[in-house]
Amino acid sequence: MLLAFVVLYLVGFDQGAISRSGMYMHELMHDGRHLLGLPCH
């Protein structure tokens, strides 16, 4: 259950600030938001 919340946080709320790999992680999460149908803009 905790893992599901962590995944939702990363996909739904990451704006690149917590990612060590910079924009790569941000873009990956951004694409994930599009795939899940979450608003991201």
PDB file of N, CA and C in Angstrom:
ATOM      1  N   MET A   1       0.833  -1.193   0.000  1.00  0.00           N
ATOM      2  CA  MET A   1       0.000   0.000   0.000  1.00  0.00           C
ATOM      3  C   MET A   1       0.873   1.251   0.000  1.00  0.00           C
ATOM      4  N   LEU A   2       1.905   1.232   0.816  1.00  0.00           N
ATOM      5  CA  LEU A   2       2.813   2.376   0.870  1.00  0.00           C
ATOM      6  C   LEU A   2       3.497   2.591  -0.479  1.00  0.00           C
ATOM      7  N   LEU A   3       3.865   1.503  -1.130  1.00  0.00           N
ATOM      8  CA  LEU A   3       4.497   1.611  -2.442  1.00  0.00           C
ATOM      9  C   LEU A   3       3.578   2.292  -3.444  1.00  0.00           C
ATOM     10  N   ALA A   4       2.287   1.983  -3.395  1.00  0.00           N
ATOM     11  CA  ALA A   4       1.322   2.617  -4.297  1.00  0.00           C
ATOM     12  C   ALA A   4       1.268   4.124  -4.059  1.00  0.00           C
ATOM     13  N   PHE A   5       1.309   4.552  -2.802  1.00  0.00           N
ATOM     14  CA  PHE A   5       1.296   5.988  -2.502  1.00  0.00           C
ATOM     15  C   PHE A   5       2.572   6.672  -2.985  1.00  0.00           C
ATOM     16  N   VAL A   6       3.696   5.990  -2.842  1.00  0.00           N
ATOM     17  CA  VAL A   6       4.962   6.562  -3.312  1.00  0.00           C
ATOM     18  C   VAL A   6       4.940   6.725  -4.827  1.00  0.00           C
ATOM     19  N   VAL A   7       4.449   5.711  -5.530  1.00  0.00           N
ATOM     20  CA  VAL A   7       4.361   5.794  -6.988  1.00  0.00           C
ATOM     21  C   VAL A   7       3.420   6.912  -7.403  1.00  0.00           C
ATOM     22  N   LEU A   8       2.269   7.021  -6.747  1.00  0.00           N
ATOM     23  CA  LEU A   8       1.343   8.110  -7.066  1.00  0.00           C
ATOM     24  C   LEU A   8       1.973   9.472  -6.812  1.00  0.00           C
ATOM     25  N   TYR A   9       2.724   9.592  -5.731  1.00  0.00           N
ATOM     26  CA  TYR A   9       3.401  10.860  -5.449  1.00  0.00           C
ATOM     27  C   TYR A   9       4.396  11.199  -6.551  1.00  0.00           C
ATOM     28  N   LEU A  10       5.224  10.233  -6.912  1.00  0.00           N
ATOM     29  CA  LEU A  10       6.245  10.493  -7.926  1.00  0.00           C
ATOM     30  C   LEU A  10       5.634  10.840  -9.274  1.00  0.00           C
ATOM     31  N   VAL A  11       4.598  10.118  -9.651  1.00  0.00           N
ATOM     32  CA  VAL A  11       3.987  10.354 -10.959  1.00  0.00           C
ATOM     33  C   VAL A  11       3.111  11.591 -10.954  1.00  0.00           C
ATOM     34  N   GLY A  12       2.385  11.827  -9.868  1.00  0.00           N
ATOM     35  CA  GLY A  12       1.429  12.930  -9.843  1.00  0.00           C
ATOM     36  C   GLY A  12       1.983  14.266  -9.424  1.00  0.00           C
ATOM     37  N   PHE A  13       3.067  14.274  -8.640  1.00  0.00           N
ATOM     38  CA  PHE A  13       3.492  15.536  -8.032  1.00  0.00           C
ATOM     39  C   PHE A  13       4.933  15.936  -8.290  1.00  0.00           C
ATOM     40  N   ASP A  14       5.742  15.051  -8.839  1.00  0.00           N
ATOM     41  CA  ASP A  14       7.142  15.401  -9.077  1.00  0.00           C
ATOM     42  C   ASP A  14       7.242  16.513 -10.105  1.00  0.00           C
ATOM     43  N   GLN A  15       7.935  17.573  -9.738  1.00  0.00           N
ATOM     44  CA  GLN A  15       8.165  18.678 -10.669  1.00  0.00           C
ATOM     45  C   GLN A  15       9.651  18.821 -10.966  1.00  0.00           C
ATOM     46  N   GLY A  16      10.406  17.766 -10.728  1.00  0.00           N
ATOM     47  CA  GLY A  16      11.831  17.791 -10.997  1.00  0.00           C
ATOM     48  C   GLY A  16      12.677  18.189  -9.798  1.00  0.00           C
ATOM     49  N   ALA A  17      12.053  18.699  -8.731  1.00  0.00           N
ATOM     50  CA  ALA A  17      12.810  19.200  -7.591  1.00  0.00           C
ATOM     51  C   ALA A  17      13.442  18.078  -6.775  1.00  0.00           C
ATOM     52  N   ILE A  18      12.829  16.889  -6.771  1.00  0.00           N
ATOM     53  CA  ILE A  18      13.350  15.816  -5.933  1.00  0.00           C
ATOM     54  C   ILE A  18      14.162  14.802  -6.723  1.00  0.00           C
ATOM     55  N   SER A  19      14.280  14.994  -8.017  1.00  0.00           N
ATOM     56  CA  SER A  19      14.971  14.009  -8.836  1.00  0.00           C
ATOM     57  C   SER A  19      16.455  14.336  -8.928  1.00  0.00           C
ATOM     58  N   ARG A  20      17.281  13.334  -8.689  1.00  0.00           N
ATOM     59  CA  ARG A  20      18.732  13.535  -8.761  1.00  0.00           C
ATOM     60  C   ARG A  20      19.206  13.622 -10.203  1.00  0.00           C
ATOM     61  N   SER A  21      18.485  13.019 -11.113  1.00  0.00           N
ATOM     62  CA  SER A  21      18.932  13.023 -12.501  1.00  0.00           C
ATOM     63  C   SER A  21      18.358  14.201 -13.282  1.00  0.00           C
ATOM     64  N   GLY A  22      17.830  15.176 -12.581  1.00  0.00           N
ATOM     65  CA  GLY A  22      17.402  16.421 -13.223  1.00  0.00           C
ATOM     66  C   GLY A  22      16.208  16.258 -14.135  1.00  0.00           C
ATOM     67  N   MET A  23      16.317  16.814 -15.318  1.00  0.00           N
ATOM     68  CA  MET A  23      15.183  16.895 -16.229  1.00  0.00           C
ATOM     69  C   MET A  23      14.780  15.536 -16.789  1.00  0.00           C
ATOM     70  N   TYR A  24      15.697  14.563 -16.817  1.00  0.00           N
ATOM     71  CA  TYR A  24      15.326  13.241 -17.322  1.00  0.00           C
ATOM     72  C   TYR A  24      14.203  12.645 -16.485  1.00  0.00           C
ATOM     73  N   MET A  25      14.356  12.688 -15.162  1.00  0.00           N
ATOM     74  CA  MET A  25      13.328  12.144 -14.274  1.00  0.00           C
ATOM     75  C   MET A  25      12.043  12.952 -14.390  1.00  0.00           C
ATOM     76  N   HIS A  26      12.179  14.265 -14.496  1.00  0.00           N
ATOM     77  CA  HIS A  26      10.995  15.114 -14.633  1.00  0.00           C
ATOM     78  C   HIS A  26      10.222  14.763 -15.897  1.00  0.00           C
ATOM     79  N   GLU A  27      10.919  14.598 -17.006  1.00  0.00           N
ATOM     80  CA  GLU A  27      10.250  14.268 -18.262  1.00  0.00           C
ATOM     81  C   GLU A  27       9.632  12.874 -18.213  1.00  0.00           C
ATOM     82  N   LEU A  28      10.299  11.937 -17.556  1.00  0.00           N
ATOM     83  CA  LEU A  28       9.746  10.590 -17.410  1.00  0.00           C
ATOM     84  C   LEU A  28       8.440  10.632 -16.627  1.00  0.00           C
ATOM     85  N   MET A  29       8.422  11.373 -15.517  1.00  0.00           N
ATOM     86  CA  MET A  29       7.203  11.493 -14.715  1.00  0.00           C
ATOM     87  C   MET A  29       6.131  12.276 -15.465  1.00  0.00           C
ATOM     88  N   HIS A  30       6.549  13.251 -16.247  1.00  0.00           N
ATOM     89  CA  HIS A  30       5.611  14.037 -17.050  1.00  0.00           C
ATOM     90  C   HIS A  30       4.894  13.133 -18.049  1.00  0.00           C
ATOM     91  N   ASP A  31       5.652  12.264 -18.714  1.00  0.00           N
ATOM     92  CA  ASP A  31       5.044  11.319 -19.651  1.00  0.00           C
ATOM     93  C   ASP A  31       4.121  10.353 -18.920  1.00  0.00           C
ATOM     94  N   GLY A  32       4.499   9.947 -17.719  1.00  0.00           N
ATOM     95  CA  GLY A  32       3.650   9.065 -16.919  1.00  0.00           C
ATOM     96  C   GLY A  32       2.323   9.716 -16.570  1.00  0.00           C
ATOM     97  N   ARG A  33       2.368  11.018 -16.280  1.00  0.00           N
ATOM     98  CA  ARG A  33       1.118  11.738 -15.988  1.00  0.00           C
ATOM     99  C   ARG A  33       0.214  11.741 -17.211  1.00  0.00           C
ATOM    100  N   HIS A  34       0.797  11.949 -18.390  1.00  0.00           N
ATOM    101  CA  HIS A  34      -0.016  11.911 -19.609  1.00  0.00           C
ATOM    102  C   HIS A  34      -0.633  10.527 -19.809  1.00  0.00           C
ATOM    103  N   LEU A  35       0.146   9.480 -19.591  1.00  0.00           N
ATOM    104  CA  LEU A  35      -0.360   8.120 -19.776  1.00  0.00           C
ATOM    105  C   LEU A  35      -1.493   7.793 -18.811  1.00  0.00           C
ATOM    106  N   LEU A  36      -1.430   8.342 -17.592  1.00  0.00           N
ATOM    107  CA  LEU A  36      -2.476   8.085 -16.602  1.00  0.00           C
ATOM    108  C   LEU A  36      -3.664   9.026 -16.741  1.00  0.00           C
ATOM    109  N   GLY A  37      -3.548  10.014 -17.622  1.00  0.00           N
ATOM    110  CA  GLY A  37      -4.649  10.951 -17.820  1.00  0.00           C
ATOM    111  C   GLY A  37      -4.715  12.041 -16.768  1.00  0.00           C
ATOM    112  N   LEU A  38      -3.625  12.246 -16.014  1.00  0.00           N
ATOM    113  CA  LEU A  38      -3.610  13.293 -14.996  1.00  0.00           C
ATOM    114  C   LEU A  38      -3.279  14.642 -15.631  1.00  0.00           C
ATOM    115  N   PRO A  39      -3.908  15.702 -15.171  1.00  0.00           N
ATOM    116  CA  PRO A  39      -3.542  17.027 -15.685  1.00  0.00           C
ATOM    117  C   PRO A  39      -2.148  17.401 -15.186  1.00  0.00           C
ATOM    118  N   CYS A  40      -1.348  17.962 -16.048  1.00  0.00           N
ATOM    119  CA  CYS A  40       0.019  18.275 -15.637  1.00  0.00           C
ATOM    120  C   CYS A  40       0.494  19.628 -16.148  1.00  0.00           C
ATOM    121  N   HIS A  41      -0.370  20.405 -16.734  1.00  0.00           N
ATOM    122  CA  HIS A  41       0.043  21.728 -17.222  1.00  0.00           C
ATOM    123  C   HIS A  41      -0.833  22.786 -16.605  1.00  0.00           C
TER     124      HIS A  41
END
